[in-house]
PDB file of N, CA and C in Angstrom:
ATOM      1  N   MET A   1      14.056  16.707  -8.095  1.00  0.00           N
ATOM      2  CA  MET A   1      13.026  16.593  -7.071  1.00  0.00           C
ATOM      3  C   MET A   1      12.867  17.939  -6.359  1.00  0.00           C
ATOM      4  N   THR A   2      11.657  18.401  -6.226  1.00  0.00           N
ATOM      5  CA  THR A   2      11.409  19.683  -5.571  1.00  0.00           C
ATOM      6  C   THR A   2      11.477  19.533  -4.067  1.00  0.00           C
ATOM      7  N   LYS A   3      11.560  20.648  -3.405  1.00  0.00           N
ATOM      8  CA  LYS A   3      11.597  20.632  -1.950  1.00  0.00           C
ATOM      9  C   LYS A   3      10.364  19.950  -1.359  1.00  0.00           C
ATOM     10  N   ALA A   4       9.207  20.202  -1.914  1.00  0.00           N
ATOM     11  CA  ALA A   4       7.963  19.598  -1.423  1.00  0.00           C
ATOM     12  C   ALA A   4       8.007  18.086  -1.547  1.00  0.00           C
ATOM     13  N   ASN A   5       8.639  17.573  -2.604  1.00  0.00           N
ATOM     14  CA  ASN A   5       8.728  16.129  -2.788  1.00  0.00           C
ATOM     15  C   ASN A   5       9.733  15.486  -1.846  1.00  0.00           C
ATOM     16  N   ASN A   6      10.686  16.283  -1.335  1.00  0.00           N
ATOM     17  CA  ASN A   6      11.662  15.755  -0.390  1.00  0.00           C
ATOM     18  C   ASN A   6      11.047  15.512   0.980  1.00  0.00           C
ATOM     19  N   LYS A   7       9.970  16.191   1.269  1.00  0.00           N
ATOM     20  CA  LYS A   7       9.306  16.064   2.568  1.00  0.00           C
ATOM     21  C   LYS A   7       8.796  14.641   2.748  1.00  0.00           C
ATOM     22  N   GLN A   8       8.989  14.124   3.926  1.00  0.00           N
ATOM     23  CA  GLN A   8       8.522  12.772   4.201  1.00  0.00           C
ATOM     24  C   GLN A   8       7.000  12.740   4.169  1.00  0.00           C
ATOM     25  N   LYS A   9       6.457  11.696   3.530  1.00  0.00           N
ATOM     26  CA  LYS A   9       5.006  11.612   3.329  1.00  0.00           C
ATOM     27  C   LYS A   9       4.219  11.602   4.629  1.00  0.00           C
ATOM     28  N   TRP A  10       4.800  11.045   5.689  1.00  0.00           N
ATOM     29  CA  TRP A  10       4.041  10.944   6.931  1.00  0.00           C
ATOM     30  C   TRP A  10       3.963  12.269   7.678  1.00  0.00           C
ATOM     31  N   ILE A  11       4.741  13.248   7.251  1.00  0.00           N
ATOM     32  CA  ILE A  11       4.666  14.566   7.870  1.00  0.00           C
ATOM     33  C   ILE A  11       3.744  15.431   7.017  1.00  0.00           C
ATOM     34  N   ASN A  12       2.536  15.633   7.543  1.00  0.00           N
ATOM     35  CA  ASN A  12       1.536  16.422   6.824  1.00  0.00           C
ATOM     36  C   ASN A  12       0.554  17.003   7.839  1.00  0.00           C
ATOM     37  N   SER A  13      -0.385  17.785   7.370  1.00  0.00           N
ATOM     38  CA  SER A  13      -1.310  18.465   8.293  1.00  0.00           C
ATOM     39  C   SER A  13      -2.176  17.476   9.065  1.00  0.00           C
ATOM     40  N   TYR A  14      -2.486  16.324   8.475  1.00  0.00           N
ATOM     41  CA  TYR A  14      -3.327  15.333   9.156  1.00  0.00           C
ATOM     42  C   TYR A  14      -2.572  14.664  10.301  1.00  0.00           C
ATOM     43  N   THR A  15      -1.326  14.270  10.034  1.00  0.00           N
ATOM     44  CA  THR A  15      -0.557  13.633  11.102  1.00  0.00           C
ATOM     45  C   THR A  15      -0.153  14.657  12.157  1.00  0.00           C
ATOM     46  N   ASP A  16       0.150  15.874  11.740  1.00  0.00           N
ATOM     47  CA  ASP A  16       0.455  16.909  12.725  1.00  0.00           C
ATOM     48  C   ASP A  16      -0.746  17.146  13.644  1.00  0.00           C
ATOM     49  N   SER A  17      -1.938  17.146  13.073  1.00  0.00           N
ATOM     50  CA  SER A  17      -3.151  17.301  13.875  1.00  0.00           C
ATOM     51  C   SER A  17      -3.296  16.153  14.872  1.00  0.00           C
ATOM     52  N   LEU A  18      -2.993  14.948  14.423  1.00  0.00           N
ATOM     53  CA  LEU A  18      -3.038  13.780  15.312  1.00  0.00           C
ATOM     54  C   LEU A  18      -2.038  13.940  16.453  1.00  0.00           C
ATOM     55  N   PHE A  19      -0.792  14.303  16.143  1.00  0.00           N
ATOM     56  CA  PHE A  19       0.229  14.462  17.180  1.00  0.00           C
ATOM     57  C   PHE A  19      -0.153  15.578  18.150  1.00  0.00           C
ATOM     58  N   GLU A  20      -0.717  16.640  17.633  1.00  0.00           N
ATOM     59  CA  GLU A  20      -1.120  17.750  18.503  1.00  0.00           C
ATOM     60  C   GLU A  20      -2.223  17.318  19.473  1.00  0.00           C
ATOM     61  N   ILE A  21      -3.159  16.517  19.005  1.00  0.00           N
ATOM     62  CA  ILE A  21      -4.236  16.082  19.901  1.00  0.00           C
ATOM     63  C   ILE A  21      -3.718  15.067  20.923  1.00  0.00           C
ATOM     64  N   ILE A  22      -2.755  14.245  20.526  1.00  0.00           N
ATOM     65  CA  ILE A  22      -2.136  13.305  21.473  1.00  0.00           C
ATOM     66  C   ILE A  22      -1.468  14.079  22.604  1.00  0.00           C
ATOM     67  N   LEU A  23      -0.841  15.185  22.270  1.00  0.00           N
ATOM     68  CA  LEU A  23      -0.197  16.007  23.305  1.00  0.00           C
ATOM     69  C   LEU A  23      -1.195  16.579  24.312  1.00  0.00           C
ATOM     70  N   LYS A  24      -2.456  16.612  23.969  1.00  0.00           N
ATOM     71  CA  LYS A  24      -3.484  17.143  24.869  1.00  0.00           C
ATOM     72  C   LYS A  24      -4.063  16.091  25.812  1.00  0.00           C
ATOM     73  N   LEU A  25      -3.702  14.822  25.617  1.00  0.00           N
ATOM     74  CA  LEU A  25      -4.174  13.779  26.529  1.00  0.00           C
ATOM     75  C   LEU A  25      -3.604  14.043  27.917  1.00  0.00           C
ATOM     76  N   LYS A  26      -4.459  13.935  28.949  1.00  0.00           N
ATOM     77  CA  LYS A  26      -4.044  14.333  30.282  1.00  0.00           C
ATOM     78  C   LYS A  26      -3.671  13.176  31.201  1.00  0.00           C
ATOM     79  N   ASN A  27      -4.160  11.974  30.898  1.00  0.00           N
ATOM     80  CA  ASN A  27      -3.876  10.863  31.805  1.00  0.00           C
ATOM     81  C   ASN A  27      -4.042   9.527  31.077  1.00  0.00           C
ATOM     82  N   LEU A  28      -3.765   8.463  31.783  1.00  0.00           N
ATOM     83  CA  LEU A  28      -3.819   7.119  31.212  1.00  0.00           C
ATOM     84  C   LEU A  28      -5.220   6.771  30.716  1.00  0.00           C
ATOM     85  N   ASP A  29      -6.237   7.149  31.473  1.00  0.00           N
ATOM     86  CA  ASP A  29      -7.610   6.857  31.056  1.00  0.00           C
ATOM     87  C   ASP A  29      -7.940   7.537  29.729  1.00  0.00           C
ATOM     88  N   GLU A  30      -7.588   8.819  29.597  1.00  0.00           N
ATOM     89  CA  GLU A  30      -7.840   9.515  28.332  1.00  0.00           C
ATOM     90  C   GLU A  30      -7.064   8.862  27.186  1.00  0.00           C
ATOM     91  N   ALA A  31      -5.827   8.489  27.445  1.00  0.00           N
ATOM     92  CA  ALA A  31      -5.014   7.850  26.404  1.00  0.00           C
ATOM     93  C   ALA A  31      -5.626   6.517  25.987  1.00  0.00           C
ATOM     94  N   ARG A  32      -6.034   5.708  26.950  1.00  0.00           N
ATOM     95  CA  ARG A  32      -6.663   4.415  26.634  1.00  0.00           C
ATOM     96  C   ARG A  32      -7.924   4.615  25.798  1.00  0.00           C
ATOM     97  N   ARG A  33      -8.766   5.548  26.209  1.00  0.00           N
ATOM     98  CA  ARG A  33     -10.028   5.777  25.499  1.00  0.00           C
ATOM     99  C   ARG A  33      -9.786   6.270  24.074  1.00  0.00           C
ATOM    100  N   PHE A  34      -8.862   7.226  23.914  1.00  0.00           N
ATOM    101  CA  PHE A  34      -8.591   7.777  22.592  1.00  0.00           C
ATOM    102  C   PHE A  34      -7.977   6.721  21.674  1.00  0.00           C
ATOM    103  N   PHE A  35      -6.942   6.052  22.151  1.00  0.00           N
ATOM    104  CA  PHE A  35      -6.271   5.080  21.287  1.00  0.00           C
ATOM    105  C   PHE A  35      -7.142   3.875  20.985  1.00  0.00           C
ATOM    106  N   ARG A  36      -8.040   3.510  21.893  1.00  0.00           N
ATOM    107  CA  ARG A  36      -8.940   2.391  21.593  1.00  0.00           C
ATOM    108  C   ARG A  36      -9.931   2.760  20.510  1.00  0.00           C
ATOM    109  N   ASP A  37     -10.350   3.993  20.463  1.00  0.00           N
ATOM    110  CA  ASP A  37     -11.225   4.429  19.380  1.00  0.00           C
ATOM    111  C   ASP A  37     -10.452   4.578  18.065  1.00  0.00           C
ATOM    112  N   LEU A  38      -9.211   5.025  18.166  1.00  0.00           N
ATOM    113  CA  LEU A  38      -8.391   5.276  16.979  1.00  0.00           C
ATOM    114  C   LEU A  38      -7.878   3.983  16.338  1.00  0.00           C
ATOM    115  N   LEU A  39      -7.484   3.025  17.168  1.00  0.00           N
ATOM    116  CA  LEU A  39      -6.805   1.814  16.697  1.00  0.00           C
ATOM    117  C   LEU A  39      -7.587   0.563  17.054  1.00  0.00           C
ATOM    118  N   THR A  40      -7.277  -0.522  16.364  1.00  0.00           N
ATOM    119  CA  THR A  40      -7.841  -1.818  16.749  1.00  0.00           C
ATOM    120  C   THR A  40      -7.101  -2.323  17.986  1.00  0.00           C
ATOM    121  N   GLU A  41      -7.697  -3.291  18.664  1.00  0.00           N
ATOM    122  CA  GLU A  41      -7.020  -3.886  19.818  1.00  0.00           C
ATOM    123  C   GLU A  41      -5.675  -4.467  19.406  1.00  0.00           C
ATOM    124  N   ASN A  42      -5.636  -5.135  18.258  1.00  0.00           N
ATOM    125  CA  ASN A  42      -4.386  -5.741  17.804  1.00  0.00           C
ATOM    126  C   ASN A  42      -3.316  -4.697  17.506  1.00  0.00           C
ATOM    127  N   GLU A  43      -3.706  -3.548  16.967  1.00  0.00           N
ATOM    128  CA  GLU A  43      -2.739  -2.482  16.708  1.00  0.00           C
ATOM    129  C   GLU A  43      -2.170  -1.938  18.017  1.00  0.00           C
ATOM    130  N   ILE A  44      -3.020  -1.776  19.018  1.00  0.00           N
ATOM    131  CA  ILE A  44      -2.558  -1.300  20.325  1.00  0.00           C
ATOM    132  C   ILE A  44      -1.585  -2.305  20.933  1.00  0.00           C
ATOM    133  N   ILE A  45      -1.936  -3.583  20.854  1.00  0.00           N
ATOM    134  CA  ILE A  45      -1.061  -4.632  21.379  1.00  0.00           C
ATOM    135  C   ILE A  45       0.277  -4.618  20.640  1.00  0.00           C
ATOM    136  N   GLU A  46       0.231  -4.486  19.323  1.00  0.00           N
ATOM    137  CA  GLU A  46       1.461  -4.439  18.511  1.00  0.00           C
ATOM    138  C   GLU A  46       2.341  -3.265  18.924  1.00  0.00           C
ATOM    139  N   PHE A  47       1.757  -2.093  19.081  1.00  0.00           N
ATOM    140  CA  PHE A  47       2.542  -0.928  19.493  1.00  0.00           C
ATOM    141  C   PHE A  47       3.134  -1.137  20.887  1.00  0.00           C
ATOM    142  N   GLY A  48       2.348  -1.717  21.774  1.00  0.00           N
ATOM    143  CA  GLY A  48       2.839  -2.016  23.124  1.00  0.00           C
ATOM    144  C   GLY A  48       4.024  -2.974  23.086  1.00  0.00           C
ATOM    145  N   GLN A  49       3.927  -3.981  22.222  1.00  0.00           N
ATOM    146  CA  GLN A  49       5.019  -4.942  22.085  1.00  0.00           C
ATOM    147  C   GLN A  49       6.260  -4.275  21.496  1.00  0.00           C
ATOM    148  N   ARG A  50       6.091  -3.418  20.524  1.00  0.00           N
ATOM    149  CA  ARG A  50       7.237  -2.721  19.935  1.00  0.00           C
ATOM    150  C   ARG A  50       7.932  -1.858  20.983  1.00  0.00           C
ATOM    151  N   TRP A  51       7.158  -1.194  21.808  1.00  0.00           N
ATOM    152  CA  TRP A  51       7.718  -0.373  22.883  1.00  0.00           C
ATOM    153  C   TRP A  51       8.472  -1.260  23.871  1.00  0.00           C
ATOM    154  N   ARG A  52       7.891  -2.402  24.205  1.00  0.00           N
ATOM    155  CA  ARG A  52       8.542  -3.359  25.108  1.00  0.00           C
ATOM    156  C   ARG A  52       9.878  -3.820  24.520  1.00  0.00           C
ATOM    157  N   VAL A  53       9.882  -4.155  23.227  1.00  0.00           N
ATOM    158  CA  VAL A  53      11.107  -4.604  22.563  1.00  0.00           C
ATOM    159  C   VAL A  53      12.163  -3.497  22.583  1.00  0.00           C
ATOM    160  N   ALA A  54      11.769  -2.265  22.320  1.00  0.00           N
ATOM    161  CA  ALA A  54      12.731  -1.155  22.338  1.00  0.00           C
ATOM    162  C   ALA A  54      13.392  -1.044  23.705  1.00  0.00           C
ATOM    163  N   LYS A  55      12.606  -1.170  24.757  1.00  0.00           N
ATOM    164  CA  LYS A  55      13.172  -1.080  26.108  1.00  0.00           C
ATOM    165  C   LYS A  55      14.088  -2.270  26.396  1.00  0.00           C
ATOM    166  N   MET A  56      13.717  -3.454  25.917  1.00  0.00           N
ATOM    167  CA  MET A  56      14.556  -4.638  26.110  1.00  0.00           C
ATOM    168  C   MET A  56      15.874  -4.490  25.351  1.00  0.00           C
ATOM    169  N   LEU A  57      15.809  -3.997  24.127  1.00  0.00           N
ATOM    170  CA  LEU A  57      17.032  -3.765  23.344  1.00  0.00           C
ATOM    171  C   LEU A  57      17.910  -2.724  24.033  1.00  0.00           C
ATOM    172  N   ASN A  58      17.297  -1.703  24.557  1.00  0.00           N
ATOM    173  CA  ASN A  58      18.043  -0.668  25.266  1.00  0.00           C
ATOM    174  C   ASN A  58      18.760  -1.241  26.483  1.00  0.00           C
ATOM    175  N   ASN A  59      18.213  -2.297  27.047  1.00  0.00           N
ATOM    176  CA  ASN A  59      18.827  -2.987  28.190  1.00  0.00           C
ATOM    177  C   ASN A  59      19.773  -4.098  27.747  1.00  0.00           C
ATOM    178  N   ASN A  60      20.088  -4.099  26.445  1.00  0.00           N
ATOM    179  CA  ASN A  60      21.064  -5.031  25.862  1.00  0.00           C
ATOM    180  C   ASN A  60      20.668  -6.503  25.948  1.00  0.00           C
ATOM    181  N   LEU A  61      19.378  -6.791  25.937  1.00  0.00           N
ATOM    182  CA  LEU A  61      18.940  -8.179  25.885  1.00  0.00           C
ATOM    183  C   LEU A  61      19.139  -8.706  24.466  1.00  0.00           C
ATOM    184  N   SER A  62      19.407  -9.977  24.347  1.00  0.00           N
ATOM    185  CA  SER A  62      19.666 -10.575  23.033  1.00  0.00           C
ATOM    186  C   SER A  62      18.372 -10.700  22.231  1.00  0.00           C
ATOM    187  N   TYR A  63      18.522 -10.700  20.912  1.00  0.00           N
ATOM    188  CA  TYR A  63      17.369 -10.901  20.029  1.00  0.00           C
ATOM    189  C   TYR A  63      16.650 -12.188  20.393  1.00  0.00           C
ATOM    190  N   ASN A  64      17.424 -13.233  20.655  1.00  0.00           N
ATOM    191  CA  ASN A  64      16.846 -14.541  20.962  1.00  0.00           C
ATOM    192  C   ASN A  64      15.970 -14.474  22.213  1.00  0.00           C
ATOM    193  N   LYS A  65      16.473 -13.841  23.255  1.00  0.00           N
ATOM    194  CA  LYS A  65      15.696 -13.710  24.500  1.00  0.00           C
ATOM    195  C   LYS A  65      14.442 -12.864  24.261  1.00  0.00           C
ATOM    196  N   ILE A  66      14.593 -11.777  23.523  1.00  0.00           N
ATOM    197  CA  ILE A  66      13.459 -10.898  23.225  1.00  0.00           C
ATOM    198  C   ILE A  66      12.410 -11.646  22.414  1.00  0.00           C
ATOM    199  N   GLU A  67      12.868 -12.392  21.411  1.00  0.00           N
ATOM    200  CA  GLU A  67      11.949 -13.159  20.570  1.00  0.00           C
ATOM    201  C   GLU A  67      11.172 -14.172  21.407  1.00  0.00           C
ATOM    202  N   LYS A  68      11.855 -14.852  22.306  1.00  0.00           N
ATOM    203  CA  LYS A  68      11.201 -15.849  23.166  1.00  0.00           C
ATOM    204  C   LYS A  68      10.194 -15.203  24.120  1.00  0.00           C
ATOM    205  N   GLU A  69      10.562 -14.069  24.692  1.00  0.00           N
ATOM    206  CA  GLU A  69       9.700 -13.415  25.681  1.00  0.00           C
ATOM    207  C   GLU A  69       8.512 -12.681  25.074  1.00  0.00           C
ATOM    208  N   THR A  70       8.685 -12.154  23.868  1.00  0.00           N
ATOM    209  CA  THR A  70       7.628 -11.315  23.283  1.00  0.00           C
ATOM    210  C   THR A  70       6.857 -11.983  22.155  1.00  0.00           C
ATOM    211  N   GLY A  71       7.473 -12.980  21.520  1.00  0.00           N
ATOM    212  CA  GLY A  71       6.846 -13.593  20.356  1.00  0.00           C
ATOM    213  C   GLY A  71       7.018 -12.779  19.083  1.00  0.00           C
ATOM    214  N   MET A  72       7.744 -11.663  19.172  1.00  0.00           N
ATOM    215  CA  MET A  72       8.006 -10.832  17.994  1.00  0.00           C
ATOM    216  C   MET A  72       9.039 -11.528  17.122  1.00  0.00           C
ATOM    217  N   SER A  73       8.919 -11.338  15.812  1.00  0.00           N
ATOM    218  CA  SER A  73       9.865 -11.955  14.884  1.00  0.00           C
ATOM    219  C   SER A  73      11.221 -11.257  14.967  1.00  0.00           C
ATOM    220  N   SER A  74      12.258 -11.989  14.589  1.00  0.00           N
ATOM    221  CA  SER A  74      13.600 -11.402  14.588  1.00  0.00           C
ATOM    222  C   SER A  74      13.670 -10.227  13.604  1.00  0.00           C
ATOM    223  N   THR A  75      12.887 -10.286  12.525  1.00  0.00           N
ATOM    224  CA  THR A  75      12.857  -9.191  11.551  1.00  0.00           C
ATOM    225  C   THR A  75      12.304  -7.922  12.194  1.00  0.00           C
ATOM    226  N   THR A  76      11.225  -8.049  12.950  1.00  0.00           N
ATOM    227  CA  THR A  76      10.636  -6.887  13.629  1.00  0.00           C
ATOM    228  C   THR A  76      11.583  -6.365  14.698  1.00  0.00           C
ATOM    229  N   ILE A  77      12.211  -7.267  15.429  1.00  0.00           N
ATOM    230  CA  ILE A  77      13.170  -6.861  16.462  1.00  0.00           C
ATOM    231  C   ILE A  77      14.327  -6.099  15.827  1.00  0.00           C
ATOM    232  N   ALA A  78      14.810  -6.590  14.687  1.00  0.00           N
ATOM    233  CA  ALA A  78      15.907  -5.918  13.989  1.00  0.00           C
ATOM    234  C   ALA A  78      15.487  -4.532  13.513  1.00  0.00           C
ATOM    235  N   ARG A  79      14.265  -4.409  13.033  1.00  0.00           N
ATOM    236  CA  ARG A  79      13.752  -3.119  12.572  1.00  0.00           C
ATOM    237  C   ARG A  79      13.677  -2.128  13.741  1.00  0.00           C
ATOM    238  N   ILE A  80      13.183  -2.599  14.875  1.00  0.00           N
ATOM    239  CA  ILE A  80      13.100  -1.742  16.063  1.00  0.00           C
ATOM    240  C   ILE A  80      14.501  -1.341  16.504  1.00  0.00           C
ATOM    241  N   HIS A  81      15.430  -2.296  16.468  1.00  0.00           N
ATOM    242  CA  HIS A  81      16.811  -2.011  16.848  1.00  0.00           C
ATOM    243  C   HIS A  81      17.425  -0.936  15.940  1.00  0.00           C
ATOM    244  N   LYS A  82      17.141  -1.045  14.643  1.00  0.00           N
ATOM    245  CA  LYS A  82      17.631  -0.053  13.675  1.00  0.00           C
ATOM    246  C   LYS A  82      17.118   1.336  14.041  1.00  0.00           C
ATOM    247  N   TRP A  83      15.825   1.454  14.318  1.00  0.00           N
ATOM    248  CA  TRP A  83      15.246   2.752  14.654  1.00  0.00           C
ATOM    249  C   TRP A  83      15.724   3.240  16.013  1.00  0.00           C
ATOM    250  N   LEU A  84      15.969   2.316  16.938  1.00  0.00           N
ATOM    251  CA  LEU A  84      16.491   2.693  18.255  1.00  0.00           C
ATOM    252  C   LEU A  84      17.886   3.298  18.118  1.00  0.00           C
ATOM    253  N   LYS A  85      18.703   2.734  17.233  1.00  0.00           N
ATOM    254  CA  LYS A  85      20.085   3.190  17.069  1.00  0.00           C
ATOM    255  C   LYS A  85      20.243   4.321  16.052  1.00  0.00           C
ATOM    256  N   LYS A  86      19.464   4.276  14.957  1.00  0.00           N
ATOM    257  CA  LYS A  86      19.701   5.227  13.873  1.00  0.00           C
ATOM    258  C   LYS A  86      18.433   5.936  13.406  1.00  0.00           C
ATOM    259  N   GLY A  87      17.422   5.951  14.229  1.00  0.00           N
ATOM    260  CA  GLY A  87      16.174   6.606  13.852  1.00  0.00           C
ATOM    261  C   GLY A  87      16.219   8.089  14.163  1.00  0.00           C
ATOM    262  N   MET A  88      15.076   8.637  14.464  1.00  0.00           N
ATOM    263  CA  MET A  88      14.970  10.070  14.751  1.00  0.00           C
ATOM    264  C   MET A  88      15.208  10.385  16.229  1.00  0.00           C
ATOM    265  N   GLY A  89      15.498   9.351  17.024  1.00  0.00           N
ATOM    266  CA  GLY A  89      15.783   9.566  18.440  1.00  0.00           C
ATOM    267  C   GLY A  89      14.560   9.498  19.335  1.00  0.00           C
ATOM    268  N   GLY A  90      13.410   9.148  18.768  1.00  0.00           N
ATOM    269  CA  GLY A  90      12.188   9.107  19.551  1.00  0.00           C
ATOM    270  C   GLY A  90      12.169   8.032  20.617  1.00  0.00           C
ATOM    271  N   TYR A  91      12.653   6.841  20.276  1.00  0.00           N
ATOM    272  CA  TYR A  91      12.704   5.769  21.275  1.00  0.00           C
ATOM    273  C   TYR A  91      13.598   6.196  22.450  1.00  0.00           C
ATOM    274  N   LYS A  92      14.800   6.667  22.127  1.00  0.00           N
ATOM    275  CA  LYS A  92      15.740   7.064  23.184  1.00  0.00           C
ATOM    276  C   LYS A  92      15.184   8.215  24.029  1.00  0.00           C
ATOM    277  N   LEU A  93      14.548   9.160  23.344  1.00  0.00           N
ATOM    278  CA  LEU A  93      13.963  10.288  24.056  1.00  0.00           C
ATOM    279  C   LEU A  93      12.983   9.804  25.128  1.00  0.00           C
ATOM    280  N   MET A  94      12.103   8.905  24.738  1.00  0.00           N
ATOM    281  CA  MET A  94      11.080   8.446  25.675  1.00  0.00           C
ATOM    282  C   MET A  94      11.622   7.441  26.689  1.00  0.00           C
ATOM    283  N   ILE A  95      12.573   6.619  26.304  1.00  0.00           N
ATOM    284  CA  ILE A  95      13.201   5.700  27.271  1.00  0.00           C
ATOM    285  C   ILE A  95      13.878   6.502  28.365  1.00  0.00           C
ATOM    286  N   ASN A  96      14.503   7.601  28.004  1.00  0.00           N
ATOM    287  CA  ASN A  96      15.203   8.438  28.986  1.00  0.00           C
ATOM    288  C   ASN A  96      14.253   9.243  29.878  1.00  0.00           C
ATOM    289  N   LYS A  97      12.991   9.336  29.484  1.00  0.00           N
ATOM    290  CA  LYS A  97      12.018  10.046  30.327  1.00  0.00           C
ATOM    291  C   LYS A  97      11.526   9.102  31.387  1.00  0.00           C
TER     292      LYS A  97
END
């Protein structure tokens, strides 16, 4: 496998451009307007729920309590927990901010 093939598929000039433009958002109104144009309402709600679950897991709430409060499946909660503990550190970075 070449070095280029080792690169993660989601890291490319298109996604970098997206991340760079997100960094230019100045306030909640701009973020709401941009993400509503970029994503469906359901996608925004899903991302919001995932963020909520990450914060709940960080506060050591049980999967059962999280599932009851959010309606998220235990599989999704487990996936978020995996990324919270062994991901790239993005959840922890933002929770600590």
